[in-house]
C-alpha atoms as a PDB file:
ATOM      1  CA  MET A   1      -4.461 -32.700  79.104  1.00  0.00           C
ATOM      2  CA  SER A   2      -7.648 -34.740  79.245  1.00  0.00           C
ATOM      3  CA  TYR A   3     -11.260 -34.725  80.332  1.00  0.00           C
ATOM      4  CA  MET A   4     -11.881 -35.615  83.957  1.00  0.00           C
ATOM      5  CA  TYR A   5     -14.491 -38.313  83.444  1.00  0.00           C
ATOM      6  CA  LYS A   6     -12.346 -40.253  80.977  1.00  0.00           C
ATOM      7  CA  GLU A   7      -9.702 -40.797  83.622  1.00  0.00           C
ATOM      8  CA  THR A   8     -11.864 -41.405  86.684  1.00  0.00           C
ATOM      9  CA  VAL A   9     -14.457 -43.877  87.867  1.00  0.00           C
ATOM     10  CA  THR A  10     -17.233 -42.587  90.122  1.00  0.00           C
ATOM     11  CA  LYS A  11     -18.417 -44.433  93.221  1.00  0.00           C
ATOM     12  CA  ASN A  12     -21.049 -43.029  95.552  1.00  0.00           C
ATOM     13  CA  PRO A  13     -21.304 -44.555  99.044  1.00  0.00           C
ATOM     14  CA  PHE A  14     -22.531 -41.085 100.038  1.00  0.00           C
ATOM     15  CA  LYS A  15     -24.845 -38.916  97.931  1.00  0.00           C
ATOM     16  CA  GLY A  16     -26.665 -35.615  98.230  1.00  0.00           C
ATOM     17  CA  CYS A  17     -26.045 -31.947  98.979  1.00  0.00           C
ATOM     18  CA  LEU A  18     -27.856 -28.910 100.410  1.00  0.00           C
ATOM     19  CA  PHE A  19     -25.662 -26.137  98.992  1.00  0.00           C
ATOM     20  CA  ASN A  20     -28.100 -25.650  96.082  1.00  0.00           C
ATOM     21  CA  CYS A  21     -25.522 -24.454  93.558  1.00  0.00           C
ATOM     22  CA  ILE A  22     -27.553 -23.314  90.566  1.00  0.00           C
ATOM     23  CA  TYR A  23     -25.315 -25.063  88.068  1.00  0.00           C
ATOM     24  CA  CYS A  24     -26.016 -28.450  89.686  1.00  0.00           C
ATOM     25  CA  GLU A  25     -29.684 -28.318  88.657  1.00  0.00           C
ATOM     26  CA  ASN A  26     -28.944 -29.618  85.157  1.00  0.00           C
ATOM     27  CA  SER A  27     -26.220 -32.057  86.168  1.00  0.00           C
ATOM     28  CA  PHE A  28     -26.179 -33.915  89.491  1.00  0.00           C
ATOM     29  CA  LYS A  29     -29.799 -33.205  90.383  1.00  0.00           C
ATOM     30  CA  ARG A  30     -31.056 -34.283  86.975  1.00  0.00           C
ATOM     31  CA  GLN A  31     -29.076 -37.514  87.249  1.00  0.00           C
ATOM     32  CA  ALA A  32     -30.579 -38.074  90.696  1.00  0.00           C
ATOM     33  CA  LYS A  33     -34.106 -37.917  89.282  1.00  0.00           C
ATOM     34  CA  ARG A  34     -33.405 -41.173  87.445  1.00  0.00           C
ATOM     35  CA  GLN A  35     -33.112 -42.989  90.783  1.00  0.00           C
ATOM     36  CA  LYS A  36     -36.741 -42.715  91.969  1.00  0.00           C
ATOM     37  CA  ASN A  37     -37.405 -46.449  91.678  1.00  0.00           C
ATOM     38  CA  ARG A  38     -34.144 -47.351  93.402  1.00  0.00           C
ATOM     39  CA  CYS A  39     -33.739 -44.817  96.234  1.00  0.00           C
ATOM     40  CA  ILE A  40     -36.068 -41.963  97.135  1.00  0.00           C
ATOM     41  CA  ASP A  41     -33.262 -40.105  98.924  1.00  0.00           C
ATOM     42  CA  CYS A  42     -31.153 -40.227  95.753  1.00  0.00           C
ATOM     43  CA  TYR A  43     -34.177 -38.963  93.815  1.00  0.00           C
ATOM     44  CA  ASN A  44     -34.536 -36.013  96.191  1.00  0.00           C
ATOM     45  CA  TYR A  45     -30.782 -35.423  96.346  1.00  0.00           C
ATOM     46  CA  LYS A  46     -31.007 -35.679 100.124  1.00  0.00           C
ATOM     47  CA  PRO A  47     -27.667 -36.293 101.895  1.00  0.00           C
ATOM     48  CA  HIS A  48     -27.587 -39.986 102.816  1.00  0.00           C
ATOM     49  CA  PHE A  49     -25.294 -42.993 103.126  1.00  0.00           C
ATOM     50  CA  HIS A  50     -25.185 -46.255 101.144  1.00  0.00           C
ATOM     51  CA  PRO A  51     -22.842 -48.400 103.277  1.00  0.00           C
ATOM     52  CA  GLU A  52     -23.423 -51.414 101.005  1.00  0.00           C
ATOM     53  CA  ARG A  53     -21.558 -49.538  98.263  1.00  0.00           C
ATOM     54  CA  LEU A  54     -18.399 -49.538 100.347  1.00  0.00           C
ATOM     55  CA  ASN A  55     -17.965 -53.099  99.084  1.00  0.00           C
ATOM     56  CA  ASP A  56     -18.136 -52.125  95.389  1.00  0.00           C
ATOM     57  CA  TYR A  57     -15.277 -53.163  93.126  1.00  0.00           C
ATOM     58  CA  LEU A  58     -12.688 -50.389  92.804  1.00  0.00           C
ATOM     59  CA  PRO A  59     -10.374 -50.525  89.757  1.00  0.00           C
ATOM     60  CA  LYS A  60      -6.648 -49.898  90.114  1.00  0.00           C
ATOM     61  CA  ASN A  61      -6.002 -48.180  86.787  1.00  0.00           C
ATOM     62  CA  LYS A  62      -8.119 -45.036  87.266  1.00  0.00           C
ATOM     63  CA  LEU A  63      -8.598 -42.277  89.779  1.00  0.00           C
ATOM     64  CA  ILE A  64     -11.583 -43.177  91.966  1.00  0.00           C
ATOM     65  CA  PHE A  65     -13.847 -40.152  92.447  1.00  0.00           C
ATOM     66  CA  TYR A  66     -15.513 -41.089  95.734  1.00  0.00           C
ATOM     67  CA  CYS A  67     -18.837 -39.508  96.739  1.00  0.00           C
ATOM     68  CA  ALA A  68     -18.816 -37.433  93.548  1.00  0.00           C
ATOM     69  CA  ASN A  69     -22.602 -37.047  93.410  1.00  0.00           C
ATOM     70  CA  GLY A  70     -22.858 -35.039  96.599  1.00  0.00           C
ATOM     71  CA  ASP A  71     -20.851 -33.034  99.086  1.00  0.00           C
ATOM     72  CA  ILE A  72     -19.255 -34.825 102.032  1.00  0.00           C
ATOM     73  CA  ALA A  73     -19.759 -31.694 104.144  1.00  0.00           C
ATOM     74  CA  PHE A  74     -23.213 -33.181 104.802  1.00  0.00           C
ATOM     75  CA  ALA A  75     -21.926 -36.651 105.730  1.00  0.00           C
ATOM     76  CA  LYS A  76     -22.118 -37.719 109.364  1.00  0.00           C
ATOM     77  CA  PRO A  77     -18.734 -38.218 111.062  1.00  0.00           C
ATOM     78  CA  GLU A  78     -19.331 -41.967 111.379  1.00  0.00           C
ATOM     79  CA  TRP A  79     -19.988 -42.167 107.647  1.00  0.00           C
ATOM     80  CA  LEU A  80     -16.783 -40.284 106.824  1.00  0.00           C
ATOM     81  CA  SER A  81     -14.834 -42.564 109.160  1.00  0.00           C
ATOM     82  CA  GLN A  82     -16.057 -45.610 107.243  1.00  0.00           C
ATOM     83  CA  ILE A  83     -15.255 -43.955 103.917  1.00  0.00           C
ATOM     84  CA  PHE A  84     -11.710 -43.159 105.027  1.00  0.00           C
ATOM     85  CA  GLU A  85     -11.286 -46.710 106.322  1.00  0.00           C
ATOM     86  CA  VAL A  86     -12.045 -48.075 102.835  1.00  0.00           C
ATOM     87  CA  ILE A  87      -9.611 -45.600 101.268  1.00  0.00           C
ATOM     88  CA  LYS A  88      -6.901 -46.509 103.747  1.00  0.00           C
ATOM     89  CA  ASN A  89      -7.386 -50.234 103.115  1.00  0.00           C
ATOM     90  CA  LYS A  90      -7.137 -49.729  99.336  1.00  0.00           C
ATOM     91  CA  SER A  91      -3.674 -48.209  99.435  1.00  0.00           C
ATOM     92  CA  ASP A  92      -2.929 -49.413  95.873  1.00  0.00           C
ATOM     93  CA  ARG A  93      -5.699 -47.141  94.512  1.00  0.00           C
ATOM     94  CA  THR A  94      -5.879 -43.343  94.358  1.00  0.00           C
ATOM     95  CA  PHE A  95      -9.051 -41.598  95.527  1.00  0.00           C
ATOM     96  CA  LEU A  96     -10.509 -38.135  95.024  1.00  0.00           C
ATOM     97  CA  LEU A  97     -12.797 -36.548  97.643  1.00  0.00           C
ATOM     98  CA  GLN A  98     -14.295 -33.138  96.942  1.00  0.00           C
ATOM     99  CA  THR A  99     -16.187 -30.623  99.082  1.00  0.00           C
ATOM    100  CA  LYS A 100     -17.091 -26.938  99.038  1.00  0.00           C
ATOM    101  CA  LYS A 101     -16.527 -26.903 102.810  1.00  0.00           C
ATOM    102  CA  PRO A 102     -12.980 -28.221 103.280  1.00  0.00           C
ATOM    103  CA  SER A 103     -13.109 -27.465 106.999  1.00  0.00           C
ATOM    104  CA  CYS A 104     -15.438 -30.480 107.369  1.00  0.00           C
ATOM    105  CA  LEU A 105     -12.302 -32.629 107.070  1.00  0.00           C
ATOM    106  CA  TYR A 106     -10.412 -30.980 109.900  1.00  0.00           C
ATOM    107  CA  GLY A 107      -9.378 -33.563 112.474  1.00  0.00           C
ATOM    108  CA  TYR A 108      -9.444 -36.551 110.123  1.00  0.00           C
ATOM    109  CA  ASP A 109      -6.378 -38.625 109.325  1.00  0.00           C
ATOM    110  CA  ILE A 110      -6.494 -38.344 105.536  1.00  0.00           C
ATOM    111  CA  PRO A 111      -4.714 -41.303 103.899  1.00  0.00           C
ATOM    112  CA  ASP A 112      -1.781 -40.673 101.559  1.00  0.00           C
ATOM    113  CA  ASN A 113      -3.679 -42.245  98.645  1.00  0.00           C
ATOM    114  CA  CYS A 114      -6.465 -39.650  98.885  1.00  0.00           C
ATOM    115  CA  LEU A 115      -6.504 -36.247  97.190  1.00  0.00           C
ATOM    116  CA  VAL A 116      -8.891 -33.734  98.760  1.00  0.00           C
ATOM    117  CA  GLY A 117     -10.325 -31.111  96.449  1.00  0.00           C
ATOM    118  CA  THR A 118     -12.607 -28.135  96.353  1.00  0.00           C
ATOM    119  CA  THR A 119     -14.327 -26.093  93.668  1.00  0.00           C
ATOM    120  CA  ILE A 120     -13.129 -22.541  93.148  1.00  0.00           C
ATOM    121  CA  GLU A 121     -15.188 -21.122  90.275  1.00  0.00           C
ATOM    122  CA  THR A 122     -13.802 -17.630  90.835  1.00  0.00           C
ATOM    123  CA  ASN A 123     -12.115 -15.528  93.504  1.00  0.00           C
ATOM    124  CA  ARG A 124     -15.139 -13.198  93.470  1.00  0.00           C
ATOM    125  CA  ASP A 125     -18.484 -13.301  95.280  1.00  0.00           C
ATOM    126  CA  THR A 126     -20.405 -16.566  94.794  1.00  0.00           C
ATOM    127  CA  SER A 127     -23.328 -15.889  97.136  1.00  0.00           C
ATOM    128  CA  ASN A 128     -25.694 -15.412  94.197  1.00  0.00           C
ATOM    129  CA  ILE A 129     -25.084 -18.910  92.846  1.00  0.00           C
ATOM    130  CA  SER A 130     -24.633 -21.101  95.919  1.00  0.00           C
ATOM    131  CA  LYS A 131     -25.230 -21.510  99.644  1.00  0.00           C
ATOM    132  CA  ALA A 132     -21.757 -22.992  99.970  1.00  0.00           C
ATOM    133  CA  PRO A 133     -19.010 -21.114 101.818  1.00  0.00           C
ATOM    134  CA  GLU A 134     -17.586 -18.262  99.735  1.00  0.00           C
ATOM    135  CA  SER A 135     -14.685 -19.180  97.482  1.00  0.00           C
ATOM    136  CA  CYS A 136     -12.310 -17.148  99.675  1.00  0.00           C
ATOM    137  CA  VAL A 137     -13.322 -19.311 102.652  1.00  0.00           C
ATOM    138  CA  ARG A 138     -12.757 -22.519 100.675  1.00  0.00           C
ATOM    139  CA  TYR A 139      -9.329 -21.231  99.673  1.00  0.00           C
ATOM    140  CA  PHE A 140      -8.395 -20.459 103.296  1.00  0.00           C
ATOM    141  CA  HIS A 141      -9.533 -23.844 104.596  1.00  0.00           C
ATOM    142  CA  MET A 142      -7.703 -25.704 101.826  1.00  0.00           C
ATOM    143  CA  LEU A 143      -4.509 -23.993 102.960  1.00  0.00           C
ATOM    144  CA  ASN A 144      -4.955 -25.496 106.421  1.00  0.00           C
ATOM    145  CA  LEU A 145      -5.483 -29.082 105.277  1.00  0.00           C
ATOM    146  CA  VAL A 146      -2.381 -31.251 105.472  1.00  0.00           C
ATOM    147  CA  CYS A 147      -2.878 -33.742 102.650  1.00  0.00           C
ATOM    148  CA  ARG A 148      -2.601 -34.187  98.913  1.00  0.00           C
ATOM    149  CA  LYS A 149      -4.923 -31.785  97.081  1.00  0.00           C
ATOM    150  CA  PHE A 150      -6.676 -30.914  93.842  1.00  0.00           C
ATOM    151  CA  VAL A 151      -8.824 -28.002  92.660  1.00  0.00           C
ATOM    152  CA  THR A 152     -11.724 -27.850  90.220  1.00  0.00           C
ATOM    153  CA  ILE A 153     -12.289 -24.542  88.433  1.00  0.00           C
ATOM    154  CA  GLU A 154     -15.650 -25.480  86.941  1.00  0.00           C
ATOM    155  CA  PRO A 155     -17.845 -23.836  85.926  1.00  0.00           C
ATOM    156  CA  ILE A 156     -15.220 -21.145  85.532  1.00  0.00           C
ATOM    157  CA  LEU A 157     -16.614 -17.658  86.213  1.00  0.00           C
ATOM    158  CA  ASP A 158     -14.970 -14.319  85.617  1.00  0.00           C
ATOM    159  CA  PHE A 159     -12.058 -13.767  87.980  1.00  0.00           C
ATOM    160  CA  ASP A 160      -9.072 -11.598  88.867  1.00  0.00           C
ATOM    161  CA  MET A 161      -6.005 -13.156  87.293  1.00  0.00           C
ATOM    162  CA  GLU A 162      -3.351 -12.401  89.920  1.00  0.00           C
ATOM    163  CA  VAL A 163      -5.585 -13.371  92.853  1.00  0.00           C
ATOM    164  CA  MET A 164      -6.774 -16.582  91.226  1.00  0.00           C
ATOM    165  CA  LYS A 165      -3.246 -17.603  90.270  1.00  0.00           C
ATOM    166  CA  ARG A 166      -1.954 -16.870  93.789  1.00  0.00           C
ATOM    167  CA  TRP A 167      -4.764 -18.805  95.470  1.00  0.00           C
ATOM    168  CA  ILE A 168      -4.187 -21.910  93.390  1.00  0.00           C
ATOM    169  CA  LYS A 169      -0.422 -21.763  93.805  1.00  0.00           C
ATOM    170  CA  GLU A 170      -0.712 -21.413  97.599  1.00  0.00           C
ATOM    171  CA  ILE A 171      -3.132 -24.343  97.823  1.00  0.00           C
ATOM    172  CA  ASP A 172      -0.440 -26.354  95.996  1.00  0.00           C
ATOM    173  CA  PRO A 173      -2.700 -28.882  94.218  1.00  0.00           C
ATOM    174  CA  GLU A 174      -1.345 -31.873  92.352  1.00  0.00           C
ATOM    175  CA  ILE A 175      -4.062 -31.489  89.710  1.00  0.00           C
ATOM    176  CA  VAL A 176      -6.314 -28.632  88.590  1.00  0.00           C
ATOM    177  CA  TRP A 177      -9.325 -29.287  86.363  1.00  0.00           C
ATOM    178  CA  VAL A 178     -10.622 -26.297  84.367  1.00  0.00           C
ATOM    179  CA  GLY A 179     -13.857 -26.032  82.392  1.00  0.00           C
ATOM    180  CA  TYR A 180     -16.879 -23.967  81.431  1.00  0.00           C
ATOM    181  CA  ALA A 181     -20.448 -24.893  82.372  1.00  0.00           C
ATOM    182  CA  ASN A 182     -21.761 -27.801  80.309  1.00  0.00           C
ATOM    183  CA  HIS A 183     -25.377 -26.606  80.401  1.00  0.00           C
ATOM    184  CA  THR A 184     -27.291 -23.354  80.074  1.00  0.00           C
ATOM    185  CA  ASN A 185     -27.721 -22.105  83.630  1.00  0.00           C
ATOM    186  CA  GLY A 186     -27.890 -18.348  83.236  1.00  0.00           C
ATOM    187  CA  LEU A 187     -24.153 -18.148  83.966  1.00  0.00           C
ATOM    188  CA  SER A 188     -22.967 -17.067  80.528  1.00  0.00           C
ATOM    189  CA  LEU A 189     -22.739 -13.362  81.444  1.00  0.00           C
ATOM    190  CA  ASP A 190     -20.404 -14.243  84.301  1.00  0.00           C
ATOM    191  CA  GLU A 191     -18.031 -16.348  82.224  1.00  0.00           C
ATOM    192  CA  PRO A 192     -14.558 -15.074  81.319  1.00  0.00           C
ATOM    193  CA  GLU A 193     -13.547 -14.647  77.710  1.00  0.00           C
ATOM    194  CA  LEU A 194     -11.853 -17.696  76.234  1.00  0.00           C
ATOM    195  CA  SER A 195      -8.556 -15.813  75.878  1.00  0.00           C
ATOM    196  CA  LYS A 196      -8.571 -14.989  79.594  1.00  0.00           C
ATOM    197  CA  THR A 197      -9.254 -18.625  80.506  1.00  0.00           C
ATOM    198  CA  GLN A 198      -6.437 -19.740  78.232  1.00  0.00           C
ATOM    199  CA  GLU A 199      -4.092 -17.255  79.897  1.00  0.00           C
ATOM    200  CA  LEU A 200      -5.005 -18.641  83.330  1.00  0.00           C
ATOM    201  CA  ILE A 201      -4.442 -22.197  82.110  1.00  0.00           C
ATOM    202  CA  LYS A 202      -0.995 -21.233  80.838  1.00  0.00           C
ATOM    203  CA  GLU A 203      -0.118 -19.582  84.162  1.00  0.00           C
ATOM    204  CA  LEU A 204      -1.281 -22.619  86.155  1.00  0.00           C
ATOM    205  CA  GLU A 205       0.635 -25.017  83.919  1.00  0.00           C
ATOM    206  CA  SER A 206       3.850 -23.377  85.085  1.00  0.00           C
ATOM    207  CA  PHE A 207       3.475 -25.007  88.513  1.00  0.00           C
ATOM    208  CA  THR A 208       0.838 -27.780  88.411  1.00  0.00           C
ATOM    209  CA  ASP A 209      -0.837 -30.425  86.275  1.00  0.00           C
ATOM    210  CA  VAL A 210      -3.758 -28.771  84.444  1.00  0.00           C
ATOM    211  CA  ARG A 211      -6.442 -30.975  82.890  1.00  0.00           C
ATOM    212  CA  LEU A 212      -9.199 -29.604  80.697  1.00  0.00           C
ATOM    213  CA  LYS A 213     -12.905 -30.252  80.741  1.00  0.00           C
ATOM    214  CA  THR A 214     -15.299 -28.214  78.536  1.00  0.00           C
ATOM    215  CA  ILE A 215     -13.368 -25.345  76.987  1.00  0.00           C
ATOM    216  CA  ARG A 216     -15.276 -23.124  74.557  1.00  0.00           C
ATOM    217  CA  ASP A 217     -15.759 -19.552  73.404  1.00  0.00           C
ATOM    218  CA  ASN A 218     -18.692 -17.342  74.330  1.00  0.00           C
ATOM    219  CA  LEU A 219     -20.738 -18.766  71.484  1.00  0.00           C
ATOM    220  CA  GLY A 220     -20.657 -22.170  73.081  1.00  0.00           C
ATOM    221  CA  VAL A 221     -18.236 -23.708  70.569  1.00  0.00           C
ATOM    222  CA  LYS A 222     -15.785 -26.212  71.998  1.00  0.00           C
END
């Protein structure tokens, strides 16, 4: 098991999101505020395209997390077509693309060297933390995608064990990343006990590759 960002390199030909997930405020949005002198759209976290970044060097020895600082659900179809063209032409690399609206990829020919992922923080209601489609909708749309897949359970929120395990197994991901929130976002009351998270991890390890991010107890100790 390992931490996601030690095994991936992030490239962002597309950035921005309008789902307003509350846990992004202290992560992606804060990072975006450093870009004011370089790109005002990055600064405002407005969905936009940087086609010049399609020519960036892409290493062969790491997973390439493409468009990580945004959600491709807000990318125009012509932008996604260009992104997939780069992925297809770099068949000796492996790419990750993630979205909280997997249905946005319906109709695209997803290359074999691309893993499509979604975030499933919980199987329960997420309307109080995000404008993204409910987790049950993400689960359903992931089932209908014909491609290689991954799932991110981060920040993990309290869940129903049997439902969560069944959802992940039916999605059939090659990799599942699991982790608690890295920042204080008012989510602590919704987090599962460490023992429950560890039980889920053990269950998932019986059928997929589980990789850990921030794992801690309710006192915030890793």
